[in-house]
């Protein structure tokens, strides 16, 4: 217990009991994550139309955790789910094979933000829907692109944009998104993936003091 107290104190945690055993009141509302409502609408519509999902993610621990959460979560509602893992140190979807995308595909990119809007513009030109779930800081030109293309085909959800805890990892963002979908659908499927969310958060050494 003394070691835990020292660790928490070094992280600036003053209310230890609340931090270790938080209530629902301590949780940040899902809607404070910019873009989450539009992303949820895309997912729900894709499921209802029995269209295809592709989940794309990096090979680091947070990326694998984030991608696995999203992939397994979607399997609770549809069998039209495919995973595509990047090779080596490749990050994001700059070299994504556009030939596998069409207007009946929703591409979900996790923990892999590309700051060049042209990368996403090429994907949207295929007719596919696009969701980016991430925790990295987007540049101003990408935020402008998001505003110009906001709607039923594109959404960027990042804990680094207006969210109270910008240190939340990619796996944490995906888990929050799945919890939000559960709230909308009156389901509890995301609760099966607490371990994966924790793995990604710990691997990226994220500060959860908020």
Protein backbone atom coordinates (compact mmCIF):
# COMPACT_ATOMS: atom_id res chain seq x y z
CA UNK A 1 0.00 0.00 0.00
CA UNK A 2 2.85 2.42 0.80
CA UNK A 3 4.34 1.92 -2.68
CA UNK A 4 0.95 2.67 -4.27
CA UNK A 5 0.61 5.81 -2.16
CA UNK A 6 4.05 7.02 -3.24
CA UNK A 7 3.30 6.34 -6.92
CA UNK A 8 -0.04 8.12 -6.81
CA UNK A 9 1.42 11.08 -4.96
CA UNK A 10 4.20 11.39 -7.55
CA UNK A 11 1.48 11.56 -10.24
CA UNK A 12 -0.34 14.35 -8.41
CA UNK A 13 -3.31 12.21 -7.33
CA UNK A 14 -4.79 13.78 -4.21
CA UNK A 15 -8.08 11.93 -3.85
CA UNK A 16 -6.76 8.36 -3.95
CA UNK A 17 -10.06 6.63 -3.14
CA UNK A 18 -11.92 8.36 -5.97
CA UNK A 19 -9.08 7.68 -8.40
CA UNK A 20 -8.91 3.95 -7.62
CA UNK A 21 -12.68 3.42 -7.33
CA UNK A 22 -14.32 6.10 -9.51
CA UNK A 23 -18.08 6.47 -9.76
CA UNK A 24 -20.07 7.31 -12.90
CA UNK A 25 -20.03 10.96 -11.80
CA UNK A 26 -16.24 11.01 -12.19
CA UNK A 27 -16.38 9.95 -15.85
CA UNK A 28 -16.02 12.52 -18.62
CA UNK A 29 -19.20 12.60 -20.78
CA UNK A 30 -18.77 10.84 -24.12
CA UNK A 31 -20.17 13.83 -26.01
CA UNK A 32 -17.20 15.98 -24.97
CA UNK A 33 -15.12 13.99 -27.47
CA UNK A 34 -15.50 16.00 -30.67
CA UNK A 35 -16.86 14.04 -33.62
CA UNK A 36 -18.09 11.04 -31.61
CA UNK A 37 -21.75 11.53 -32.54
CA UNK A 38 -21.02 11.62 -36.27
CA UNK A 39 -18.77 8.55 -35.98
CA UNK A 40 -21.47 6.62 -34.14
CA UNK A 41 -24.00 7.49 -36.84
CA UNK A 42 -21.69 6.11 -39.53
CA UNK A 43 -21.18 2.83 -37.61
CA UNK A 44 -24.87 2.35 -36.88
CA UNK A 45 -25.86 3.04 -40.51
CA UNK A 46 -23.19 0.65 -41.79
CA UNK A 47 -24.50 -2.13 -39.54
CA UNK A 48 -28.13 -1.49 -40.51
CA UNK A 49 -27.25 -1.66 -44.21
CA UNK A 50 -25.16 -4.82 -43.72
CA UNK A 51 -22.19 -3.09 -45.35
CA UNK A 52 -18.52 -3.88 -44.82
CA UNK A 53 -16.16 -2.60 -42.11
CA UNK A 54 -12.37 -2.52 -42.41
CA UNK A 55 -10.42 -1.77 -39.22
CA UNK A 56 -6.88 -0.51 -39.84
CA UNK A 57 -4.25 -0.29 -37.09
CA UNK A 58 -0.53 -0.10 -36.33
CA UNK A 59 1.62 -2.86 -34.86
CA UNK A 60 2.59 -1.22 -31.54
CA UNK A 61 0.85 -2.30 -28.33
CA UNK A 62 -1.59 0.59 -28.19
CA UNK A 63 -2.44 0.18 -31.87
CA UNK A 64 -3.03 -3.57 -31.60
CA UNK A 65 -5.12 -3.08 -28.45
CA UNK A 66 -7.19 -0.34 -30.10
CA UNK A 67 -7.73 -2.31 -33.30
CA UNK A 68 -8.65 -5.49 -31.45
CA UNK A 69 -11.25 -3.66 -29.34
CA UNK A 70 -12.89 -2.16 -32.43
CA UNK A 71 -12.75 -5.39 -34.44
CA UNK A 72 -14.15 -7.60 -31.68
CA UNK A 73 -16.79 -5.05 -30.73
CA UNK A 74 -18.20 -4.85 -34.25
CA UNK A 75 -18.42 -8.66 -34.45
CA UNK A 76 -21.18 -8.46 -31.83
CA UNK A 77 -23.39 -6.80 -34.46
CA UNK A 78 -22.19 -7.97 -37.89
CA UNK A 79 -19.93 -10.51 -39.57
CA UNK A 80 -18.94 -7.96 -42.22
CA UNK A 81 -15.73 -6.99 -40.38
CA UNK A 82 -12.17 -7.22 -41.68
CA UNK A 83 -8.85 -6.22 -40.10
CA UNK A 84 -5.83 -4.80 -41.88
CA UNK A 85 -2.64 -4.37 -39.84
CA UNK A 86 0.13 -2.06 -41.06
CA UNK A 87 3.54 -3.53 -41.86
CA UNK A 88 6.57 -2.75 -39.71
CA UNK A 89 6.83 0.91 -38.70
CA UNK A 90 4.29 2.12 -41.24
CA UNK A 91 1.90 4.58 -39.60
CA UNK A 92 -1.62 5.43 -40.66
CA UNK A 93 -3.20 4.95 -44.07
CA UNK A 94 -0.91 6.91 -46.39
CA UNK A 95 -0.29 3.73 -48.42
CA UNK A 96 -3.70 2.13 -47.90
CA UNK A 97 -4.83 -0.07 -50.85
CA UNK A 98 -7.66 2.05 -52.25
CA UNK A 99 -8.79 -0.75 -54.58
CA UNK A 100 -10.46 -2.59 -51.67
CA UNK A 101 -12.68 0.41 -50.85
CA UNK A 102 -16.06 1.33 -52.32
CA UNK A 103 -19.30 3.08 -51.37
CA UNK A 104 -20.38 0.10 -49.29
CA UNK A 105 -17.29 0.15 -47.06
CA UNK A 106 -16.59 1.94 -43.79
CA UNK A 107 -12.88 2.25 -42.97
CA UNK A 108 -12.11 2.74 -39.27
CA UNK A 109 -8.54 3.90 -38.61
CA UNK A 110 -7.40 3.60 -34.99
CA UNK A 111 -4.36 5.06 -33.25
CA UNK A 112 -2.94 6.08 -36.64
CA UNK A 113 -3.51 9.75 -37.41
CA UNK A 114 -2.18 11.14 -40.69
CA UNK A 115 -1.88 14.93 -40.64
CA UNK A 116 -1.99 15.32 -44.43
CA UNK A 117 -5.64 15.91 -45.45
CA UNK A 118 -4.87 14.57 -48.95
CA UNK A 119 -4.48 11.08 -47.44
CA UNK A 120 -8.09 11.12 -46.29
CA UNK A 121 -9.33 12.93 -49.40
CA UNK A 122 -8.07 10.02 -51.55
CA UNK A 123 -9.95 7.55 -49.36
CA UNK A 124 -13.20 9.54 -49.47
CA UNK A 125 -12.95 9.78 -53.27
CA UNK A 126 -13.51 6.01 -53.43
CA UNK A 127 -16.98 6.54 -51.98
CA UNK A 128 -16.06 4.84 -48.70
CA UNK A 129 -16.99 6.17 -45.28
CA UNK A 130 -14.09 7.03 -42.96
CA UNK A 131 -13.70 7.21 -39.18
CA UNK A 132 -10.41 8.09 -37.47
CA UNK A 133 -10.18 7.27 -33.73
CA UNK A 134 -6.95 8.61 -32.27
CA UNK A 135 -5.18 10.52 -29.51
CA UNK A 136 -2.50 12.41 -31.45
CA UNK A 137 -2.73 16.17 -32.04
CA UNK A 138 -4.09 17.02 -35.52
CA UNK A 139 -2.63 20.00 -37.37
CA UNK A 140 -4.82 23.01 -38.21
CA UNK A 141 -5.17 22.08 -41.89
CA UNK A 142 -6.56 18.67 -40.93
CA UNK A 143 -9.07 20.25 -38.53
CA UNK A 144 -10.17 22.57 -41.34
CA UNK A 145 -10.58 19.54 -43.62
CA UNK A 146 -12.73 17.86 -40.96
CA UNK A 147 -15.02 20.88 -40.76
CA UNK A 148 -15.36 21.02 -44.54
CA UNK A 149 -16.21 17.31 -44.79
CA UNK A 150 -18.17 16.74 -41.61
CA UNK A 151 -21.29 14.70 -42.23
CA UNK A 152 -22.38 11.13 -42.76
CA UNK A 153 -19.16 9.97 -44.53
CA UNK A 154 -16.29 11.23 -42.38
CA UNK A 155 -15.48 11.80 -38.75
CA UNK A 156 -12.28 12.43 -36.78
CA UNK A 157 -12.47 11.60 -33.07
CA UNK A 158 -9.37 12.53 -31.06
CA UNK A 159 -8.88 12.92 -27.32
CA UNK A 160 -6.44 15.72 -28.21
CA UNK A 161 -9.26 17.94 -29.52
CA UNK A 162 -11.23 19.68 -26.79
CA UNK A 163 -11.35 16.66 -24.47
CA UNK A 164 -10.66 17.00 -20.75
CA UNK A 165 -8.14 14.14 -20.79
CA UNK A 166 -5.96 14.64 -23.90
CA UNK A 167 -3.54 11.97 -22.61
CA UNK A 168 -6.01 9.15 -23.24
CA UNK A 169 -4.37 6.54 -25.49
CA UNK A 170 -5.64 5.20 -28.81
CA UNK A 171 -7.07 2.11 -27.11
CA UNK A 172 -8.73 4.37 -24.56
CA UNK A 173 -10.37 6.45 -27.29
CA UNK A 174 -11.67 3.35 -29.07
CA UNK A 175 -12.97 1.90 -25.81
CA UNK A 176 -14.78 5.17 -25.01
CA UNK A 177 -16.28 5.13 -28.50
CA UNK A 178 -17.55 1.56 -28.06
CA UNK A 179 -19.00 2.46 -24.65
CA UNK A 180 -20.82 5.34 -26.34
CA UNK A 181 -22.22 2.98 -28.97
CA UNK A 182 -23.39 0.72 -26.14
CA UNK A 183 -25.16 3.65 -24.54
CA UNK A 184 -26.97 4.43 -27.79
CA UNK A 185 -27.91 0.78 -28.44
CA UNK A 186 -28.70 -0.27 -24.86
CA UNK A 187 -25.97 -2.92 -24.96
CA UNK A 188 -22.95 -3.73 -22.77
CA UNK A 189 -20.56 -5.32 -25.27
CA UNK A 190 -17.64 -2.95 -24.62
CA UNK A 191 -17.32 -4.19 -21.04
CA UNK A 192 -15.59 -7.29 -22.43
CA UNK A 193 -12.59 -5.17 -23.47
CA UNK A 194 -11.49 -3.36 -20.30
CA UNK A 195 -8.28 -5.41 -20.31
CA UNK A 196 -7.35 -4.35 -23.85
CA UNK A 197 -8.07 -0.70 -23.07
CA UNK A 198 -5.87 -0.90 -19.95
CA UNK A 199 -3.08 -2.60 -21.91
CA UNK A 200 -2.95 0.18 -24.50
CA UNK A 201 -3.14 2.93 -21.87
CA UNK A 202 -0.34 1.40 -19.79
CA UNK A 203 1.85 0.70 -22.83
CA UNK A 204 1.64 4.36 -23.91
CA UNK A 205 2.28 5.49 -20.30
CA UNK A 206 -0.79 7.77 -20.37
CA UNK A 207 -1.73 10.08 -17.52
CA UNK A 208 -5.27 9.28 -16.34
CA UNK A 209 -5.30 11.69 -13.41
CA UNK A 210 -8.25 13.51 -15.02
